[in-house]
Amino acid sequence: MKTYTTQIHTEFIRLQDLLKFEGLCETGGVAKARVQEGEVKVNGEVCTMRGKKLRSGDSVTIDDTTVTIE
C-alpha cells in the first residue's frame, strides 16, 4: 500500500479534482465513475459524492493508495 501526503493552498479541494490532480484517475469521467461505484474511501468510509469538499487532515484511499491532505 502506498501512502503519501499532498498540500493544498486553498480552503478545500473537491474529491474528483484531487483524484485527477494526483494522477489516481486519468480523467474526470473516470474519477466520476469510480466515486459513484463506491471505489473511493474518504477518512476510511466509502464516499459516493464526487464533489465532496476535502480539507486539511482528510485522507482519500483508492485501490492501494492513500493520500492525506495537509
C-alpha atoms as a PDB file:
ATOM      1  CA  MET A   1       0.000   0.000   0.000  1.00  0.00           C
ATOM      2  CA  LYS A   2       1.310   3.427  -0.947  1.00  0.00           C
ATOM      3  CA  THR A   3       0.752   6.316   1.445  1.00  0.00           C
ATOM      4  CA  TYR A   4       1.748   9.923   0.898  1.00  0.00           C
ATOM      5  CA  THR A   5       0.688  13.478   1.663  1.00  0.00           C
ATOM      6  CA  THR A   6      -0.198  16.401  -0.548  1.00  0.00           C
ATOM      7  CA  GLN A   7      -0.565  20.066   0.275  1.00  0.00           C
ATOM      8  CA  ILE A   8      -3.371  22.315  -0.847  1.00  0.00           C
ATOM      9  CA  HIS A   9      -3.176  26.076  -0.760  1.00  0.00           C
ATOM     10  CA  THR A  10      -6.918  26.711  -0.757  1.00  0.00           C
ATOM     11  CA  GLU A  11      -9.625  26.116   1.825  1.00  0.00           C
ATOM     12  CA  PHE A  12     -10.657  22.842   0.166  1.00  0.00           C
ATOM     13  CA  ILE A  13     -10.348  20.663  -2.940  1.00  0.00           C
ATOM     14  CA  ARG A  14     -13.149  18.597  -4.433  1.00  0.00           C
ATOM     15  CA  LEU A  15     -12.736  14.819  -4.402  1.00  0.00           C
ATOM     16  CA  GLN A  16     -12.827  14.359  -8.180  1.00  0.00           C
ATOM     17  CA  ASP A  17     -10.279  17.164  -8.617  1.00  0.00           C
ATOM     18  CA  LEU A  18      -7.905  15.560  -6.124  1.00  0.00           C
ATOM     19  CA  LEU A  19      -8.136  12.221  -7.909  1.00  0.00           C
ATOM     20  CA  LYS A  20      -7.234  13.872 -11.216  1.00  0.00           C
ATOM     21  CA  PHE A  21      -4.549  16.158  -9.704  1.00  0.00           C
ATOM     22  CA  GLU A  22      -2.763  13.269  -8.003  1.00  0.00           C
ATOM     23  CA  GLY A  23      -2.971  11.078 -11.113  1.00  0.00           C
ATOM     24  CA  LEU A  24      -5.120   8.470  -9.389  1.00  0.00           C
ATOM     25  CA  CYS A  25      -7.679   8.751 -12.225  1.00  0.00           C
ATOM     26  CA  GLU A  26      -6.827   9.692 -15.794  1.00  0.00           C
ATOM     27  CA  THR A  27      -9.883  11.855 -16.490  1.00  0.00           C
ATOM     28  CA  GLY A  28     -12.798  13.472 -14.732  1.00  0.00           C
ATOM     29  CA  GLY A  29     -15.103  10.872 -16.251  1.00  0.00           C
ATOM     30  CA  VAL A  30     -13.066   8.035 -14.796  1.00  0.00           C
ATOM     31  CA  ALA A  31     -12.991   9.788 -11.403  1.00  0.00           C
ATOM     32  CA  LYS A  32     -16.764  10.282 -11.502  1.00  0.00           C
ATOM     33  CA  ALA A  33     -17.407   6.626 -12.343  1.00  0.00           C
ATOM     34  CA  ARG A  34     -15.056   5.256  -9.694  1.00  0.00           C
ATOM     35  CA  VAL A  35     -16.509   7.503  -6.993  1.00  0.00           C
ATOM     36  CA  GLN A  36     -20.117   6.667  -7.912  1.00  0.00           C
ATOM     37  CA  GLU A  37     -19.299   2.930  -7.931  1.00  0.00           C
ATOM     38  CA  GLY A  38     -18.080   3.180  -4.322  1.00  0.00           C
ATOM     39  CA  GLU A  39     -14.410   2.505  -5.054  1.00  0.00           C
ATOM     40  CA  VAL A  40     -13.136   5.554  -3.110  1.00  0.00           C
ATOM     41  CA  LYS A  41     -12.923   5.987   0.649  1.00  0.00           C
ATOM     42  CA  VAL A  42     -12.687   9.329   2.438  1.00  0.00           C
ATOM     43  CA  ASN A  43     -11.441   9.118   6.014  1.00  0.00           C
ATOM     44  CA  GLY A  44     -11.969   5.346   5.957  1.00  0.00           C
ATOM     45  CA  GLU A  45     -15.586   5.401   4.739  1.00  0.00           C
ATOM     46  CA  VAL A  46     -16.905   4.815   1.225  1.00  0.00           C
ATOM     47  CA  CYS A  47     -17.819   8.138  -0.379  1.00  0.00           C
ATOM     48  CA  THR A  48     -20.052   8.391  -3.463  1.00  0.00           C
ATOM     49  CA  MET A  49     -20.099  12.212  -3.651  1.00  0.00           C
ATOM     50  CA  ARG A  50     -17.597  13.249  -6.330  1.00  0.00           C
ATOM     51  CA  GLY A  51     -17.937  16.916  -5.301  1.00  0.00           C
ATOM     52  CA  LYS A  52     -17.126  16.206  -1.638  1.00  0.00           C
ATOM     53  CA  LYS A  53     -15.049  19.047  -0.216  1.00  0.00           C
ATOM     54  CA  LEU A  54     -11.793  17.779   1.237  1.00  0.00           C
ATOM     55  CA  ARG A  55      -9.851  19.843   3.746  1.00  0.00           C
ATOM     56  CA  SER A  56      -6.558  19.588   5.580  1.00  0.00           C
ATOM     57  CA  GLY A  57      -6.462  16.399   7.641  1.00  0.00           C
ATOM     58  CA  ASP A  58      -8.718  14.371   5.331  1.00  0.00           C
ATOM     59  CA  SER A  59      -7.445  11.199   3.683  1.00  0.00           C
ATOM     60  CA  VAL A  60      -8.542   9.530   0.446  1.00  0.00           C
ATOM     61  CA  THR A  61      -7.991   5.874  -0.406  1.00  0.00           C
ATOM     62  CA  ILE A  62      -8.392   4.334  -3.838  1.00  0.00           C
ATOM     63  CA  ASP A  63      -7.032   0.940  -4.873  1.00  0.00           C
ATOM     64  CA  ASP A  64      -3.913   0.517  -2.714  1.00  0.00           C
ATOM     65  CA  THR A  65      -3.045   4.226  -2.426  1.00  0.00           C
ATOM     66  CA  THR A  66      -3.863   6.621   0.407  1.00  0.00           C
ATOM     67  CA  VAL A  67      -3.384  10.374   0.082  1.00  0.00           C
ATOM     68  CA  THR A  68      -3.523  12.578   3.183  1.00  0.00           C
ATOM     69  CA  ILE A  69      -4.182  16.284   2.686  1.00  0.00           C
ATOM     70  CA  GLU A  70      -2.086  18.806   4.595  1.00  0.00           C
END
